[in-house]
C-alpha atoms as a PDB file:
ATOM      1  CA  UNK A   1      96.086 124.186  87.422  1.00  0.00           C
ATOM      2  CA  UNK A   2      95.885 124.585  91.184  1.00  0.00           C
ATOM      3  CA  UNK A   3      94.704 121.507  93.024  1.00  0.00           C
ATOM      4  CA  UNK A   4      92.894 122.247  96.270  1.00  0.00           C
ATOM      5  CA  UNK A   5      93.172 118.863  97.980  1.00  0.00           C
ATOM      6  CA  UNK A   6      91.401 115.539  98.172  1.00  0.00           C
ATOM      7  CA  UNK A   7      87.637 115.429  97.692  1.00  0.00           C
ATOM      8  CA  UNK A   8      87.090 111.689  98.147  1.00  0.00           C
ATOM      9  CA  UNK A   9      88.509 108.215  97.713  1.00  0.00           C
ATOM     10  CA  UNK A  10      86.358 105.606  95.978  1.00  0.00           C
ATOM     11  CA  UNK A  11      86.009 102.039  97.167  1.00  0.00           C
ATOM     12  CA  UNK A  12      84.134  99.313  95.274  1.00  0.00           C
ATOM     13  CA  UNK A  13      82.655  96.495  97.311  1.00  0.00           C
ATOM     14  CA  UNK A  14      80.654  93.317  96.743  1.00  0.00           C
ATOM     15  CA  UNK A  15      79.437  93.671 100.377  1.00  0.00           C
ATOM     16  CA  UNK A  16      77.697  97.045 100.157  1.00  0.00           C
ATOM     17  CA  UNK A  17      75.346  96.656 103.144  1.00  0.00           C
ATOM     18  CA  UNK A  18      78.061  95.330 105.477  1.00  0.00           C
ATOM     19  CA  UNK A  19      80.455  98.092 104.420  1.00  0.00           C
ATOM     20  CA  UNK A  20      77.788 100.795 104.810  1.00  0.00           C
ATOM     21  CA  UNK A  21      76.990  99.512 108.317  1.00  0.00           C
ATOM     22  CA  UNK A  22      80.678  99.326 109.275  1.00  0.00           C
ATOM     23  CA  UNK A  23      81.564 102.877 108.214  1.00  0.00           C
ATOM     24  CA  UNK A  24      78.326 104.531 109.384  1.00  0.00           C
ATOM     25  CA  UNK A  25      77.416 102.478 112.478  1.00  0.00           C
ATOM     26  CA  UNK A  26      80.590 100.821 113.795  1.00  0.00           C
ATOM     27  CA  UNK A  27      82.891 103.777 113.065  1.00  0.00           C
ATOM     28  CA  UNK A  28      80.143 106.404 113.367  1.00  0.00           C
ATOM     29  CA  UNK A  29      80.808 108.397 110.177  1.00  0.00           C
ATOM     30  CA  UNK A  30      77.778 110.188 108.655  1.00  0.00           C
ATOM     31  CA  UNK A  31      76.454 109.375 105.202  1.00  0.00           C
ATOM     32  CA  UNK A  32      76.319 112.727 103.403  1.00  0.00           C
ATOM     33  CA  UNK A  33      75.031 111.691  99.960  1.00  0.00           C
ATOM     34  CA  UNK A  34      73.053 108.754  98.638  1.00  0.00           C
ATOM     35  CA  UNK A  35      71.882 108.008  95.118  1.00  0.00           C
ATOM     36  CA  UNK A  36      68.370 106.525  95.120  1.00  0.00           C
ATOM     37  CA  UNK A  37      68.750 104.456  91.964  1.00  0.00           C
ATOM     38  CA  UNK A  38      72.236 103.092  92.665  1.00  0.00           C
ATOM     39  CA  UNK A  39      74.158 101.586  95.549  1.00  0.00           C
ATOM     40  CA  UNK A  40      76.505 104.550  95.844  1.00  0.00           C
ATOM     41  CA  UNK A  41      76.970 106.663  98.979  1.00  0.00           C
ATOM     42  CA  UNK A  42      79.398 109.305 100.202  1.00  0.00           C
ATOM     43  CA  UNK A  43      80.608 108.922 103.791  1.00  0.00           C
ATOM     44  CA  UNK A  44      82.166 111.944 105.520  1.00  0.00           C
ATOM     45  CA  UNK A  45      85.284 110.791 107.395  1.00  0.00           C
ATOM     46  CA  UNK A  46      86.440 114.251 108.456  1.00  0.00           C
ATOM     47  CA  UNK A  47      89.248 115.480 106.241  1.00  0.00           C
ATOM     48  CA  UNK A  48      87.949 113.644 103.152  1.00  0.00           C
ATOM     49  CA  UNK A  49      85.070 111.499 101.937  1.00  0.00           C
ATOM     50  CA  UNK A  50      84.804 107.817 101.028  1.00  0.00           C
ATOM     51  CA  UNK A  51      82.624 107.058  98.017  1.00  0.00           C
ATOM     52  CA  UNK A  52      81.323 103.544  98.621  1.00  0.00           C
ATOM     53  CA  UNK A  53      80.222 101.863  95.385  1.00  0.00           C
ATOM     54  CA  UNK A  54      78.385  98.557  95.143  1.00  0.00           C
ATOM     55  CA  UNK A  55      80.315  96.150  92.907  1.00  0.00           C
ATOM     56  CA  UNK A  56      77.390  95.836  90.479  1.00  0.00           C
ATOM     57  CA  UNK A  57      77.900  99.506  89.518  1.00  0.00           C
ATOM     58  CA  UNK A  58      81.274  98.633  87.980  1.00  0.00           C
ATOM     59  CA  UNK A  59      81.836  98.363  84.255  1.00  0.00           C
ATOM     60  CA  UNK A  60      84.783  96.810  82.411  1.00  0.00           C
ATOM     61  CA  UNK A  61      86.497 100.183  82.061  1.00  0.00           C
ATOM     62  CA  UNK A  62      86.015 101.147  85.727  1.00  0.00           C
ATOM     63  CA  UNK A  63      87.291  97.971  87.407  1.00  0.00           C
ATOM     64  CA  UNK A  64      90.481  98.864  89.270  1.00  0.00           C
ATOM     65  CA  UNK A  65      93.442  96.552  88.826  1.00  0.00           C
ATOM     66  CA  UNK A  66      94.706  97.337  92.308  1.00  0.00           C
ATOM     67  CA  UNK A  67      93.295  98.847  95.446  1.00  0.00           C
ATOM     68  CA  UNK A  68      94.223 101.325  98.059  1.00  0.00           C
ATOM     69  CA  UNK A  69      96.894 100.390 100.608  1.00  0.00           C
ATOM     70  CA  UNK A  70      95.140 101.978 103.567  1.00  0.00           C
ATOM     71  CA  UNK A  71      93.182 105.013 104.714  1.00  0.00           C
ATOM     72  CA  UNK A  72      94.474 106.768 107.831  1.00  0.00           C
ATOM     73  CA  UNK A  73      91.915 108.099 110.307  1.00  0.00           C
ATOM     74  CA  UNK A  74      93.126 110.891 112.590  1.00  0.00           C
ATOM     75  CA  UNK A  75      92.246 110.351 116.264  1.00  0.00           C
ATOM     76  CA  UNK A  76      93.109 112.109 119.529  1.00  0.00           C
ATOM     77  CA  UNK A  77      94.061 108.869 121.289  1.00  0.00           C
ATOM     78  CA  UNK A  78      94.994 105.724 119.351  1.00  0.00           C
ATOM     79  CA  UNK A  79      94.848 103.487 122.418  1.00  0.00           C
ATOM     80  CA  UNK A  80      91.282 104.500 123.307  1.00  0.00           C
ATOM     81  CA  UNK A  81      90.104 104.155 119.698  1.00  0.00           C
ATOM     82  CA  UNK A  82      91.820 100.765 119.406  1.00  0.00           C
ATOM     83  CA  UNK A  83      90.139  99.507 122.593  1.00  0.00           C
ATOM     84  CA  UNK A  84      86.726 100.613 121.294  1.00  0.00           C
ATOM     85  CA  UNK A  85      87.266  98.766 117.999  1.00  0.00           C
ATOM     86  CA  UNK A  86      88.324  95.600 119.847  1.00  0.00           C
ATOM     87  CA  UNK A  87      85.194  95.827 122.028  1.00  0.00           C
ATOM     88  CA  UNK A  88      83.062  96.124 118.864  1.00  0.00           C
ATOM     89  CA  UNK A  89      84.621  92.960 117.461  1.00  0.00           C
ATOM     90  CA  UNK A  90      86.527  94.642 114.634  1.00  0.00           C
ATOM     91  CA  UNK A  91      89.307  92.518 113.132  1.00  0.00           C
ATOM     92  CA  UNK A  92      92.700  93.982 114.092  1.00  0.00           C
ATOM     93  CA  UNK A  93      95.842  93.961 111.962  1.00  0.00           C
ATOM     94  CA  UNK A  94      98.241  95.450 114.531  1.00  0.00           C
ATOM     95  CA  UNK A  95      98.068  96.907 118.024  1.00  0.00           C
ATOM     96  CA  UNK A  96      99.120 100.504 118.750  1.00  0.00           C
ATOM     97  CA  UNK A  97     102.820 101.307 118.352  1.00  0.00           C
ATOM     98  CA  UNK A  98     104.933 104.442 118.392  1.00  0.00           C
ATOM     99  CA  UNK A  99     106.316 105.367 114.970  1.00  0.00           C
ATOM    100  CA  UNK A 100     108.538 108.370 115.450  1.00  0.00           C
ATOM    101  CA  UNK A 101     106.372 111.433 116.032  1.00  0.00           C
ATOM    102  CA  UNK A 102     103.093 109.520 115.706  1.00  0.00           C
ATOM    103  CA  UNK A 103     101.259 106.579 117.292  1.00  0.00           C
ATOM    104  CA  UNK A 104      99.466 104.181 114.955  1.00  0.00           C
ATOM    105  CA  UNK A 105      97.406 100.983 114.810  1.00  0.00           C
ATOM    106  CA  UNK A 106      95.815  99.131 111.902  1.00  0.00           C
ATOM    107  CA  UNK A 107      92.504  97.286 111.474  1.00  0.00           C
ATOM    108  CA  UNK A 108      90.297  95.864 108.721  1.00  0.00           C
ATOM    109  CA  UNK A 109      86.864  96.729 107.373  1.00  0.00           C
ATOM    110  CA  UNK A 110      84.447  93.905 106.389  1.00  0.00           C
ATOM    111  CA  UNK A 111      86.016  93.614 102.893  1.00  0.00           C
ATOM    112  CA  UNK A 112      89.534  93.293 104.342  1.00  0.00           C
ATOM    113  CA  UNK A 113      90.628  96.827 103.419  1.00  0.00           C
ATOM    114  CA  UNK A 114      93.195  98.239 105.816  1.00  0.00           C
ATOM    115  CA  UNK A 115      92.450 101.311 107.915  1.00  0.00           C
ATOM    116  CA  UNK A 116      94.901 103.070 110.201  1.00  0.00           C
ATOM    117  CA  UNK A 117      94.342 104.894 113.470  1.00  0.00           C
ATOM    118  CA  UNK A 118      96.756 107.849 113.416  1.00  0.00           C
ATOM    119  CA  UNK A 119      97.621 110.057 116.414  1.00  0.00           C
ATOM    120  CA  UNK A 120      99.976 113.038 116.226  1.00  0.00           C
ATOM    121  CA  UNK A 121     102.155 113.126 119.354  1.00  0.00           C
ATOM    122  CA  UNK A 122     102.263 116.515 121.015  1.00  0.00           C
END
């Protein structure tokens, strides 16, 4: 078997509308697929896709026991992206810092999931 890479990460939420607005409006990522009969959408975040699933779509065998740690979003300039998020009222976990060969900052989505701004130093 040859794996080709990541297709998407799935995230269940009890706050579907707020999460949809955050990822599509606040962060500006396009919705690329929507199921009419269910609260399930795919959001293109560049190098992968987030599948956002309304909590009511869960069944006993699909409820995760844990969650993701964070999703890293590649940006050209962490400081500029961080400033824009602050101006939009996004809740911040940590301000930009240098971490070896990269510069990073962390923030939260409306459900409290952690997202990372990630800049490769050149």
